[in-house]
Amino acid sequence: MHTRRSLRRSHRSRRSRTGVAFLSLAALLVSGGLVSGCSAEASSSSAGSTAMAALAALPRATPSALAPYYGQKLSWRSCGVPGFECATMKAPLEYADPGAGDVRLAVERKKATGPGKRLGSLLVNPGGPGGSAVAYLQQYAGIGYPAEVRARYDMVAVDPRGVAGSEPVECLDGRTMDSYTQTDTTPDDQRETGELVDAYKEFAEGCGAHSARLLRHVSTVEAARDMDILRAVLGDGKLTYVGASYGTFLGATYAGLFPDRVGRLVLDGAMDPSLPARRLNLDQTAGFETAFQSFAKDCVRQPDCPLGRKGTAPAKVGENLKAFFAKLDRRPIPAGDPDGRRLGEALATTGVIAAMYDESTWEQLREALTSAMKQNDGSGLLVLSDSYYERDAEGRYANLMAANAAVNCLDLPAAFATPEQVEKALPSFEKASPVFGEGLAWASLNCAYWPVRATGEPRRIEAKGAAPIVVVGTTRDPATPYRWARSLAGQLASARLLTYEGDGHTAYGRGSHCIDSAINAYLLRGTPPTKGKRCS
């Protein structure tokens, strides 16, 4: 993927996604590597000059051809959930040719509750790409953000184009997706390599067949421009925004395009827009290894750890897990699934990775691994995997995986073009993560077969002239490594880096009073954190 996957699970998966809230991250098979994409050698050389270029700001004056979009009036209606209102907003399918048709975007809000003077609208995005911002607002932000923030702001969300309620990208039906998610991403021979390539091609062809109109127009730049239309339609002079995981890339892109319209921006679980896909994937692979090391140390301190006893070194814990994966590769185990799925290496790996996003899920992971390793029952790991892929009990998948691939494959050139390139890069990925490296390297191949060419490229984002932007990084974040937050903060001219020393994906609303109070002070009073502020 391209790091942008990110994002899917952020914020403790308030929606109870055990895999990636923001995520960010989005489907192992789908995004080509979990959230990133580039390679050790190729990433530094091929991106060299490109990564040094900065995203250029758009002209301040709104083009006359876009005036009807900026001047539209939203018709708010009940969403069927008390306190929430829904509307549909129009945006041009193609900004270069506004007359070529519209895309209809799902918008939702929960009005400020008071007391206190209303501060405007606060737009939120949970990441992915592909995560539904509307669902996130309804299920978490609109009811779970600090009461003082909800009192002063209208809480607002828009599903980005191609996502959930906003003309979703569609690729494969549920049964075909079941087969796709079980494809072996650690091929042992040419036959298995061919099967993996065929799966990527089938997925890409399905997207091209069912969503041909949208596939060229779901980029992050276009989604950021849609947010500026929404800002204007809501009556706000500047954008106030909290984005997590991939949502940080979306927010930073907005700042780069419209620096003079930046209000109070919080970018939590930051991505680095200057890196090419393979490097993003490689960094994220290392991030998941860091998270696994923390899990391993915690696991062996617990009496029910199936991967080792007290004092077992994390490296040995990893070896034991890999041996279990190899066993599943040879012979999948029952998982109590009414549709007949068994737990093989691919689904088990996804289940483990899902639990790396949030340390509160580690107990669930220990229980699931114990059941699978000692009782031949893969149901617990299957639940974790399904939560990551957003598959429901009826076998239906949300469009997260489809949208994730569509955005990532459009935003950056593919991490790898051929299986031979993956094989050459395997040592660097396996060094980054002995546990997950091989699978994440092969997962980085999927964009090679995408039906449309990438329109984006790695770029620095400086947003010169923007108001202070708060960039938040977690030191042991698996999906968006801390180095990305430092890099983004170094690029943005007005950034303030806020560091959370801890585990898990993202920091706001995860239990740190220090982090929450710093962000709340910024949102409510416009006071950014002091330079170099660190929290635990």
Protein backbone atom coordinates (compact mmCIF):
# COMPACT_ATOMS: atom_id res chain seq x y z
CA MET A 1 0.00 0.00 0.00
CA HIS A 2 1.46 3.21 0.71
CA THR A 3 1.49 4.14 4.16
CA ARG A 4 -1.51 5.88 3.63
CA ARG A 5 -3.24 2.91 4.44
CA SER A 6 -2.64 3.61 7.57
CA LEU A 7 -4.11 3.91 8.30
CA ARG A 8 -7.33 2.28 9.35
CA ARG A 9 -7.27 1.68 12.91
CA SER A 10 -6.37 4.69 14.76
CA HIS A 11 -7.75 5.84 18.00
CA ARG A 12 -8.12 2.51 19.57
CA SER A 13 -10.39 1.70 16.87
CA ARG A 14 -13.16 3.33 18.50
CA ARG A 15 -15.34 1.58 16.09
CA SER A 16 -13.87 -1.56 17.36
CA ARG A 17 -11.84 -2.22 14.34
CA THR A 18 -9.08 -4.26 15.61
CA GLY A 19 -6.94 -3.71 12.74
CA VAL A 20 -6.39 -0.34 11.60
CA ALA A 21 -8.33 2.46 12.34
CA PHE A 22 -6.99 4.81 10.27
CA LEU A 23 -5.32 3.48 8.84
CA SER A 24 -4.39 3.82 7.48
CA LEU A 25 -3.42 0.94 6.79
CA ALA A 26 -5.70 -1.02 4.87
CA ALA A 27 -5.48 -4.39 3.61
CA LEU A 28 -2.29 -6.32 3.43
CA LEU A 29 -2.97 -7.70 0.02
CA VAL A 30 -4.50 -4.56 -1.20
CA SER A 31 -2.24 -1.73 -0.66
CA GLY A 32 0.90 -3.26 -1.58
CA GLY A 33 2.60 -3.37 1.63
CA LEU A 34 0.35 -2.20 4.25
CA VAL A 35 0.76 1.41 3.99
CA SER A 36 3.65 2.30 1.93
CA GLY A 37 5.72 1.40 -0.97
CA CYS A 38 9.27 1.79 -2.26
CA SER A 39 12.54 -0.02 -1.83
CA ALA A 40 15.78 0.31 -0.15
CA GLU A 41 17.87 1.16 -3.14
CA ALA A 42 15.24 2.24 -5.59
CA SER A 43 13.45 4.35 -3.07
CA SER A 44 16.31 6.62 -2.37
CA SER A 45 17.58 6.86 -5.90
CA SER A 46 14.39 6.93 -7.91
CA ALA A 47 12.74 9.46 -5.67
CA GLY A 48 15.77 11.60 -5.09
CA SER A 49 15.04 14.68 -7.11
CA THR A 50 11.27 14.23 -7.04
CA ALA A 51 11.10 14.03 -3.28
CA MET A 52 12.88 17.35 -3.01
CA ALA A 53 10.16 19.16 -4.94
CA ALA A 54 7.48 20.86 -2.85
CA LEU A 55 3.73 20.70 -3.42
CA ALA A 56 2.75 24.03 -5.00
CA ALA A 57 -0.09 26.09 -3.57
CA LEU A 58 -3.10 26.77 -5.79
CA PRO A 59 -4.02 30.35 -6.73
CA ARG A 60 -5.92 32.13 -3.97
CA ALA A 61 -8.77 33.15 -6.25
CA THR A 62 -11.38 30.48 -6.88
CA PRO A 63 -11.66 29.72 -10.62
CA SER A 64 -14.98 30.88 -12.06
CA ALA A 65 -15.69 27.38 -13.35
CA LEU A 66 -15.74 26.15 -9.75
CA ALA A 67 -18.00 28.93 -8.44
CA PRO A 68 -21.20 26.83 -8.63
CA TYR A 69 -19.61 24.20 -6.41
CA TYR A 70 -18.34 26.73 -3.88
CA GLY A 71 -21.72 28.47 -3.85
CA GLN A 72 -23.94 25.41 -3.43
CA LYS A 73 -26.30 25.11 -0.48
CA LEU A 74 -26.48 21.85 1.44
CA SER A 75 -29.88 20.41 2.22
CA TRP A 76 -29.56 18.87 5.68
CA ARG A 77 -31.79 15.98 6.71
CA SER A 78 -32.04 13.57 9.60
CA CYS A 79 -29.64 10.62 9.50
CA GLY A 80 -31.85 8.47 11.66
CA VAL A 81 -29.43 8.91 14.57
CA PRO A 82 -30.41 11.55 17.15
CA GLY A 83 -28.32 14.70 16.89
CA PHE A 84 -26.77 13.93 13.49
CA GLU A 85 -27.67 15.51 10.16
CA CYS A 86 -26.75 14.31 6.67
CA ALA A 87 -26.37 16.02 3.32
CA THR A 88 -24.96 15.40 -0.14
CA MET A 89 -22.36 17.73 -1.63
CA LYS A 90 -21.33 17.96 -5.26
CA ALA A 91 -17.73 18.25 -6.43
CA PRO A 92 -16.32 18.15 -9.96
CA LEU A 93 -15.27 14.68 -11.04
CA GLU A 94 -12.29 16.28 -12.79
CA TYR A 95 -10.98 19.61 -11.52
CA ALA A 96 -9.20 20.29 -14.80
CA ASP A 97 -12.54 20.00 -16.59
CA PRO A 98 -15.41 20.89 -14.21
CA GLY A 99 -17.91 20.39 -17.00
CA ALA A 100 -17.11 16.69 -17.27
CA GLY A 101 -19.56 15.71 -14.54
CA ASP A 102 -19.96 15.60 -10.77
CA VAL A 103 -19.14 13.27 -7.93
CA ARG A 104 -21.60 13.20 -5.03
CA LEU A 105 -20.07 13.19 -1.56
CA ALA A 106 -21.72 12.09 1.69
CA VAL A 107 -21.48 14.73 4.44
CA GLU A 108 -22.59 14.51 8.05
CA ARG A 109 -22.54 16.86 11.02
CA LYS A 110 -23.43 17.09 14.69
CA LYS A 111 -24.00 20.69 15.66
CA ALA A 112 -22.18 22.32 18.56
CA THR A 113 -23.94 21.58 21.81
CA GLY A 114 -22.76 24.59 23.85
CA PRO A 115 -22.23 26.24 26.20
CA GLY A 116 -19.70 28.71 24.89
CA LYS A 117 -19.30 30.59 21.66
CA ARG A 118 -19.36 28.39 18.56
CA LEU A 119 -15.90 28.21 16.95
CA GLY A 120 -17.00 26.92 13.55
CA SER A 121 -16.77 23.47 12.01
CA LEU A 122 -14.27 20.75 12.96
CA LEU A 123 -13.71 18.32 10.10
CA VAL A 124 -12.44 14.85 11.03
CA ASN A 125 -10.96 12.00 9.02
CA PRO A 126 -9.92 8.60 10.49
CA GLY A 127 -7.51 7.58 7.73
CA GLY A 128 -7.25 4.55 5.52
CA PRO A 129 -7.31 5.61 2.81
CA GLY A 130 -10.76 4.16 2.56
CA GLY A 131 -11.98 4.64 6.12
CA SER A 132 -15.46 6.15 6.32
CA ALA A 133 -15.24 9.56 7.98
CA VAL A 134 -19.02 9.65 8.29
CA ALA A 135 -19.08 6.38 10.22
CA TYR A 136 -16.17 7.60 12.35
CA LEU A 137 -18.07 10.77 13.22
CA GLN A 138 -21.21 8.87 14.13
CA GLN A 139 -19.52 6.09 16.06
CA TYR A 140 -16.73 7.99 17.76
CA ALA A 141 -15.85 11.62 17.09
CA GLY A 142 -19.38 13.01 17.39
CA ILE A 143 -19.91 11.38 20.75
CA GLY A 144 -16.43 10.56 22.03
CA TYR A 145 -14.34 13.67 21.40
CA PRO A 146 -13.87 15.79 24.53
CA ALA A 147 -17.14 17.41 25.59
CA GLU A 148 -15.60 20.88 25.56
CA VAL A 149 -14.56 20.42 21.92
CA ARG A 150 -17.99 19.15 20.88
CA ALA A 151 -19.58 22.05 22.75
CA ARG A 152 -17.79 24.67 20.67
CA TYR A 153 -17.57 23.06 17.24
CA ASP A 154 -19.99 21.61 14.75
CA MET A 155 -18.44 18.16 14.26
CA VAL A 156 -18.33 17.41 10.53
CA ALA A 157 -17.20 14.56 8.28
CA VAL A 158 -17.18 13.88 4.56
CA ASP A 159 -16.48 10.49 3.05
CA PRO A 160 -13.71 11.11 0.48
CA ARG A 161 -14.59 10.39 -3.13
CA GLY A 162 -14.67 6.65 -3.78
CA VAL A 163 -15.23 5.83 -0.10
CA ALA A 164 -18.33 4.41 1.61
CA GLY A 165 -21.20 6.87 1.04
CA SER A 166 -19.38 8.92 -1.61
CA GLU A 167 -19.78 6.85 -4.78
CA PRO A 168 -17.68 3.95 -3.46
CA VAL A 169 -15.12 2.17 -5.59
CA GLU A 170 -16.22 -1.43 -6.13
CA CYS A 171 -14.04 -4.34 -7.19
CA LEU A 172 -15.00 -7.89 -6.15
CA ASP A 173 -18.02 -9.54 -4.55
CA GLY A 174 -17.84 -11.03 -1.07
CA ARG A 175 -17.11 -14.61 -2.07
CA THR A 176 -14.34 -13.56 -4.44
CA MET A 177 -12.94 -11.29 -1.74
CA ASP A 178 -12.85 -14.28 0.61
CA SER A 179 -10.66 -16.08 -1.86
CA TYR A 180 -8.52 -13.00 -2.40
CA THR A 181 -7.80 -12.42 1.30
CA GLN A 182 -6.69 -16.04 1.67
CA THR A 183 -4.12 -15.82 -1.12
CA ASP A 184 -0.65 -16.82 0.05
CA THR A 185 1.56 -13.73 0.27
CA THR A 186 4.70 -15.71 1.07
CA PRO A 187 5.01 -17.79 -2.11
CA ASP A 188 7.32 -20.79 -1.89
CA ASP A 189 7.73 -21.44 -5.62
CA GLN A 190 6.89 -20.14 -9.07
CA ARG A 191 3.43 -21.69 -9.00
CA GLU A 192 2.49 -19.84 -5.82
CA THR A 193 4.06 -16.65 -7.13
CA GLY A 194 1.90 -16.96 -10.23
CA GLU A 195 -1.21 -17.47 -8.09
CA LEU A 196 -0.42 -14.30 -6.14
CA VAL A 197 0.11 -12.29 -9.33
CA ASP A 198 -3.15 -13.67 -10.74
CA ALA A 199 -4.97 -12.58 -7.55
CA TYR A 200 -3.62 -9.04 -7.87
CA LYS A 201 -4.61 -8.93 -11.52
CA GLU A 202 -8.12 -10.21 -10.78
CA PHE A 203 -8.59 -7.58 -8.09
CA ALA A 204 -7.33 -4.79 -10.36
CA GLU A 205 -9.45 -5.95 -13.29
CA GLY A 206 -12.51 -6.06 -11.04
CA CYS A 207 -11.93 -2.48 -9.95
CA GLY A 208 -11.45 -1.39 -13.56
CA ALA A 209 -14.63 -3.13 -14.66
CA HIS A 210 -16.90 -1.87 -11.86
CA SER A 211 -15.48 1.60 -11.17
CA ALA A 212 -13.95 2.81 -14.43
CA ARG A 213 -15.44 6.32 -14.10
CA LEU A 214 -13.92 6.96 -10.69
CA LEU A 215 -10.54 5.26 -10.73
CA ARG A 216 -8.68 8.18 -12.30
CA HIS A 217 -10.25 10.67 -9.90
CA VAL A 218 -9.82 9.43 -6.33
CA SER A 219 -6.44 10.98 -5.58
CA THR A 220 -5.58 12.65 -2.31
CA VAL A 221 -5.12 15.99 -4.09
CA GLU A 222 -8.69 15.78 -5.40
CA ALA A 223 -10.02 14.79 -1.97
CA ALA A 224 -8.21 17.77 -0.42
CA ARG A 225 -9.77 20.10 -2.98
CA ASP A 226 -13.18 18.62 -2.13
CA MET A 227 -12.52 19.56 1.51
CA ASP A 228 -11.99 23.17 0.51
CA ILE A 229 -15.37 23.23 -1.21
CA LEU A 230 -16.92 21.82 1.96
CA ARG A 231 -15.14 24.46 4.07
CA ALA A 232 -16.67 27.21 1.95
CA VAL A 233 -20.12 25.62 1.84
CA LEU A 234 -20.12 25.36 5.64
CA GLY A 235 -19.34 29.07 5.86
CA ASP A 236 -15.90 28.77 7.40
CA GLY A 237 -13.12 31.13 6.34
CA LYS A 238 -10.46 28.65 7.38
CA LEU A 239 -10.37 24.88 7.81
CA THR A 240 -10.17 23.36 11.28
CA TYR A 241 -9.33 19.67 11.00
CA VAL A 242 -8.20 16.58 12.90
CA GLY A 243 -6.82 13.84 10.67
CA ALA A 244 -5.37 10.51 11.76
CA SER A 245 -2.97 8.22 9.90
CA TYR A 246 -3.69 8.65 6.18
CA GLY A 247 -5.84 11.57 7.30
CA THR A 248 -2.58 13.38 8.09
CA PHE A 249 -1.50 13.08 4.46
CA LEU A 250 -4.89 14.39 3.39
CA GLY A 251 -4.64 17.29 5.85
CA ALA A 252 -1.06 18.12 4.94
CA THR A 253 -2.00 18.07 1.26
CA TYR A 254 -4.78 20.53 2.00
CA ALA A 255 -2.31 22.79 3.78
CA GLY A 256 0.08 22.63 0.85
CA LEU A 257 -2.64 23.54 -1.65
CA PHE A 258 -4.41 26.16 0.48
CA PRO A 259 -1.92 27.50 3.08
CA ASP A 260 -3.85 30.75 3.53
CA ARG A 261 -7.02 28.80 4.46
CA VAL A 262 -5.41 26.72 7.21
CA GLY A 263 -7.06 27.19 10.57
CA ARG A 264 -6.25 24.76 13.39
CA LEU A 265 -4.91 21.52 11.90
CA VAL A 266 -4.00 18.44 13.95
CA LEU A 267 -2.19 15.66 12.07
CA ASP A 268 -2.04 12.59 14.34
CA GLY A 269 0.00 9.53 13.35
CA ALA A 270 1.74 11.45 10.60
CA MET A 271 2.80 10.20 7.20
CA ASP A 272 5.78 11.43 5.22
CA PRO A 273 4.64 12.67 1.77
CA SER A 274 8.21 12.94 0.47
CA LEU A 275 8.84 9.19 0.37
CA PRO A 276 8.20 6.83 -2.55
CA ALA A 277 6.02 3.78 -2.13
CA ARG A 278 8.68 1.15 -1.57
CA ARG A 279 10.38 3.20 1.12
CA LEU A 280 7.05 3.83 2.81
CA ASN A 281 6.34 0.11 2.82
CA LEU A 282 9.80 -0.69 4.12
CA ASP A 283 9.51 1.85 6.93
CA GLN A 284 6.10 0.54 7.87
CA THR A 285 7.42 -3.00 7.89
CA ALA A 286 10.00 -1.88 10.44
CA GLY A 287 7.23 -0.15 12.37
CA PHE A 288 5.24 -3.36 12.70
CA GLU A 289 8.36 -5.14 13.87
CA THR A 290 8.83 -2.50 16.57
CA ALA A 291 5.24 -3.00 17.68
CA PHE A 292 5.68 -6.78 17.65
CA GLN A 293 8.78 -6.49 19.82
CA SER A 294 6.71 -4.57 22.39
CA PHE A 295 3.97 -7.20 22.19
CA ALA A 296 6.49 -10.02 22.55
CA LYS A 297 8.02 -8.50 25.69
CA ASP A 298 4.58 -8.07 27.19
CA CYS A 299 3.36 -11.50 26.10
CA VAL A 300 6.07 -13.51 27.86
CA ARG A 301 5.30 -11.68 31.12
CA GLN A 302 1.74 -13.09 31.00
CA PRO A 303 0.89 -16.61 32.20
CA ASP A 304 -1.15 -17.36 29.07
CA CYS A 305 1.43 -16.44 26.41
CA PRO A 306 1.57 -19.28 23.84
CA LEU A 307 4.75 -17.97 22.20
CA GLY A 308 7.20 -18.24 25.09
CA ARG A 309 7.75 -18.18 28.82
CA LYS A 310 9.00 -15.42 31.08
CA GLY A 311 12.47 -14.41 29.94
CA THR A 312 12.06 -15.64 26.36
CA ALA A 313 13.78 -13.16 24.05
CA PRO A 314 11.57 -11.26 21.56
CA ALA A 315 13.56 -12.76 18.68
CA LYS A 316 12.64 -16.25 19.86
CA VAL A 317 9.00 -15.21 20.25
CA GLY A 318 9.11 -14.12 16.62
CA GLU A 319 10.65 -17.41 15.53
CA ASN A 320 7.89 -19.31 17.34
CA LEU A 321 5.22 -17.22 15.61
CA LYS A 322 6.84 -17.74 12.21
CA ALA A 323 6.96 -21.48 12.81
CA PHE A 324 3.23 -21.39 13.56
CA PHE A 325 2.58 -19.44 10.36
CA ALA A 326 4.60 -22.03 8.40
CA LYS A 327 2.51 -24.80 9.92
CA LEU A 328 -0.68 -23.02 8.82
CA ASP A 329 0.79 -22.57 5.34
CA ARG A 330 1.09 -26.35 5.08
CA ARG A 331 -2.25 -27.15 6.69
CA PRO A 332 -4.93 -24.53 7.54
CA ILE A 333 -7.01 -25.22 10.65
CA PRO A 334 -10.77 -24.99 11.33
CA ALA A 335 -12.08 -21.55 12.22
CA GLY A 336 -15.76 -22.21 12.90
CA ASP A 337 -16.70 -20.19 9.83
CA PRO A 338 -20.19 -20.85 8.38
CA ASP A 339 -18.83 -20.09 4.91
CA GLY A 340 -16.21 -22.81 5.24
CA ARG A 341 -13.10 -20.65 5.50
CA ARG A 342 -10.18 -22.17 7.37
CA LEU A 343 -7.37 -20.27 9.04
CA GLY A 344 -4.29 -20.33 6.85
CA GLU A 345 -1.10 -18.33 6.98
CA ALA A 346 -2.51 -15.30 5.16
CA LEU A 347 -5.53 -14.75 7.42
CA ALA A 348 -3.55 -15.54 10.56
CA THR A 349 -0.87 -13.00 9.67
CA THR A 350 -3.51 -10.37 9.03
CA GLY A 351 -5.09 -11.13 12.40
CA VAL A 352 -1.79 -10.67 14.22
CA ILE A 353 -1.02 -7.45 12.37
CA ALA A 354 -4.49 -6.15 13.19
CA ALA A 355 -3.71 -6.46 16.89
CA MET A 356 -0.48 -4.51 16.55
CA TYR A 357 -2.40 -1.25 16.09
CA ASP A 358 -3.55 -1.05 19.68
CA GLU A 359 -1.98 -2.49 22.80
CA SER A 360 -5.45 -2.92 24.32
CA THR A 361 -5.92 -5.76 21.79
CA TRP A 362 -2.89 -7.73 22.94
CA GLU A 363 -4.88 -9.80 25.43
CA GLN A 364 -7.35 -10.74 22.70
CA LEU A 365 -4.44 -11.72 20.47
CA ARG A 366 -2.90 -13.95 23.15
CA GLU A 367 -6.21 -15.71 23.59
CA ALA A 368 -6.65 -16.13 19.84
CA LEU A 369 -3.13 -17.50 19.40
CA THR A 370 -3.59 -19.88 22.34
CA SER A 371 -6.80 -21.25 20.82
CA ALA A 372 -5.17 -21.67 17.42
CA MET A 373 -1.85 -23.11 18.58
CA LYS A 374 -3.04 -25.35 21.38
CA GLN A 375 -6.67 -26.16 20.54
CA ASN A 376 -6.59 -26.12 16.73
CA ASP A 377 -9.27 -23.41 16.76
CA GLY A 378 -8.61 -20.51 14.40
CA SER A 379 -11.82 -18.60 15.11
CA GLY A 380 -10.19 -15.93 17.27
CA LEU A 381 -7.59 -14.99 14.68
CA LEU A 382 -10.26 -15.05 11.99
CA VAL A 383 -12.29 -12.50 13.96
CA LEU A 384 -9.25 -10.22 14.13
CA SER A 385 -8.58 -10.64 10.42
CA ASP A 386 -12.20 -9.96 9.49
CA SER A 387 -12.22 -6.80 11.59
CA TYR A 388 -9.15 -5.60 9.71
CA TYR A 389 -10.76 -6.25 6.33
CA GLU A 390 -14.16 -4.96 7.51
CA ARG A 391 -15.95 -8.18 6.63
CA ASP A 392 -19.31 -8.72 8.35
CA ALA A 393 -20.94 -11.95 9.51
CA GLU A 394 -22.89 -12.24 6.25
CA GLY A 395 -19.69 -12.29 4.22
CA ARG A 396 -19.99 -8.72 2.92
CA TYR A 397 -16.99 -6.43 2.80
CA ALA A 398 -17.03 -2.68 3.26
CA ASN A 399 -15.30 -0.91 0.41
CA LEU A 400 -12.24 -0.08 2.54
CA MET A 401 -9.91 -2.44 0.67
CA ALA A 402 -11.08 -1.29 -2.75
CA ALA A 403 -10.81 2.41 -1.91
CA ASN A 404 -7.48 1.86 -0.19
CA ALA A 405 -5.91 0.36 -3.27
CA ALA A 406 -7.55 2.87 -5.59
CA VAL A 407 -6.16 5.87 -3.71
CA ASN A 408 -2.73 4.41 -3.02
CA CYS A 409 -2.15 3.19 -6.55
CA LEU A 410 -3.14 6.61 -7.93
CA ASP A 411 -1.14 8.66 -5.43
CA LEU A 412 2.27 7.04 -6.01
CA PRO A 413 3.97 4.93 -8.67
CA ALA A 414 3.98 1.24 -7.77
CA ALA A 415 6.53 0.00 -5.25
CA PHE A 416 7.48 -2.92 -7.50
CA ALA A 417 6.85 -3.63 -11.16
CA THR A 418 7.64 -7.36 -11.22
CA PRO A 419 7.97 -10.36 -8.91
CA GLU A 420 11.70 -10.35 -9.65
CA GLN A 421 11.98 -6.88 -8.10
CA VAL A 422 10.24 -8.14 -4.96
CA GLU A 423 12.60 -11.09 -4.71
CA LYS A 424 15.59 -8.77 -4.97
CA ALA A 425 14.21 -6.59 -2.17
CA LEU A 426 13.26 -9.45 0.16
CA PRO A 427 16.48 -9.28 2.24
CA SER A 428 15.86 -5.62 3.14
CA PHE A 429 12.25 -6.30 4.13
CA GLU A 430 13.16 -9.40 6.15
CA LYS A 431 15.87 -7.41 7.90
CA ALA A 432 13.30 -4.74 8.75
CA SER A 433 10.98 -7.40 10.14
CA PRO A 434 11.96 -11.07 10.47
CA VAL A 435 8.32 -11.82 11.31
CA PHE A 436 6.37 -9.81 8.73
CA GLY A 437 8.95 -8.71 6.16
CA GLU A 438 8.43 -11.36 3.50
CA GLY A 439 4.66 -11.02 3.42
CA LEU A 440 4.72 -7.23 3.39
CA ALA A 441 7.26 -7.16 0.57
CA TRP A 442 5.02 -9.31 -1.63
CA ALA A 443 1.97 -7.27 -0.60
CA SER A 444 3.75 -4.25 -2.08
CA LEU A 445 3.39 -5.70 -5.59
CA ASN A 446 -0.33 -5.14 -6.10
CA CYS A 447 -0.20 -1.67 -7.67
CA ALA A 448 1.97 -3.07 -10.48
CA TYR A 449 -1.19 -4.38 -12.13
CA TRP A 450 -3.48 -1.42 -11.50
CA PRO A 451 -5.65 -0.49 -14.51
CA VAL A 452 -4.82 3.25 -14.39
CA ARG A 453 -1.47 5.00 -14.13
CA ALA A 454 -0.46 6.87 -11.01
CA THR A 455 -0.99 10.63 -11.21
CA GLY A 456 0.86 11.54 -8.01
CA GLU A 457 4.48 11.44 -6.95
CA PRO A 458 6.48 11.90 -3.74
CA ARG A 459 6.67 15.58 -2.75
CA ARG A 460 7.66 17.64 0.23
CA ILE A 461 4.84 19.69 1.71
CA GLU A 462 5.90 23.02 3.16
CA ALA A 463 2.66 25.04 3.27
CA LYS A 464 4.52 28.32 3.68
CA GLY A 465 2.35 31.00 5.25
CA ALA A 466 0.01 28.56 6.99
CA ALA A 467 -1.05 29.00 10.61
CA PRO A 468 0.60 26.65 13.15
CA ILE A 469 -0.02 22.98 12.36
CA VAL A 470 0.27 20.37 15.12
CA VAL A 471 1.98 17.15 13.99
CA VAL A 472 1.63 14.24 16.42
CA GLY A 473 3.91 11.19 16.42
CA THR A 474 3.91 8.07 18.61
CA THR A 475 7.35 6.57 19.24
CA ARG A 476 6.29 2.94 18.77
CA ASP A 477 3.51 3.44 16.25
CA PRO A 478 3.35 0.35 13.97
CA ALA A 479 1.58 1.86 10.97
CA THR A 480 3.02 5.37 10.83
CA PRO A 481 6.55 5.20 12.25
CA TYR A 482 7.67 8.10 14.43
CA ARG A 483 10.33 9.12 11.93
CA TRP A 484 7.53 10.11 9.54
CA ALA A 485 6.13 12.57 12.07
CA ARG A 486 9.57 14.10 12.54
CA SER A 487 10.02 14.35 8.78
CA LEU A 488 6.62 15.96 8.16
CA ALA A 489 7.19 18.41 11.00
CA GLY A 490 10.51 19.30 9.41
CA GLN A 491 8.85 19.97 6.05
CA LEU A 492 5.85 22.04 7.17
CA ALA A 493 7.00 25.62 7.70
CA SER A 494 4.68 26.21 10.67
CA ALA A 495 4.66 22.75 12.28
CA ARG A 496 4.84 22.00 15.98
CA LEU A 497 5.83 18.40 16.71
CA LEU A 498 4.02 16.78 19.65
CA THR A 499 5.52 13.44 20.69
CA TYR A 500 3.78 10.59 22.52
CA GLU A 501 6.22 8.09 24.03
CA GLY A 502 4.22 4.91 23.86
CA ASP A 503 2.68 2.08 21.85
CA GLY A 504 -0.18 1.95 19.39
CA HIS A 505 -1.36 3.84 16.34
CA THR A 506 -1.96 7.57 16.93
CA ALA A 507 -2.18 9.38 20.25
CA TYR A 508 -5.21 11.68 20.62
CA GLY A 509 -7.96 10.17 22.74
CA ARG A 510 -5.92 7.13 23.77
CA GLY A 511 -5.60 7.92 27.43
CA SER A 512 -2.70 10.39 27.68
CA HIS A 513 -3.89 13.46 29.57
CA CYS A 514 -0.77 15.28 28.41
CA ILE A 515 -1.52 14.68 24.72
CA ASP A 516 -5.24 15.36 25.01
CA SER A 517 -4.85 18.58 26.97
CA ALA A 518 -2.25 19.91 24.51
CA ILE A 519 -4.49 19.22 21.51
CA ASN A 520 -7.61 20.51 23.25
CA ALA A 521 -5.82 23.76 24.13
CA TYR A 522 -4.91 24.19 20.48
CA LEU A 523 -8.40 23.44 19.16
CA LEU A 524 -10.19 25.58 21.74
CA ARG A 525 -7.80 28.48 22.26
CA GLY A 526 -5.48 28.31 19.26
CA THR A 527 -2.45 27.74 21.49
CA PRO A 528 -0.09 25.21 19.88
CA PRO A 529 2.10 22.95 22.03
CA THR A 530 5.48 24.27 23.07
CA LYS A 531 8.34 23.27 20.79
CA GLY A 532 9.68 19.81 21.52
CA LYS A 533 6.81 18.86 23.84
CA ARG A 534 6.83 15.16 24.77
CA CYS A 535 4.16 13.18 26.59
CA SER A 536 3.78 9.68 27.95
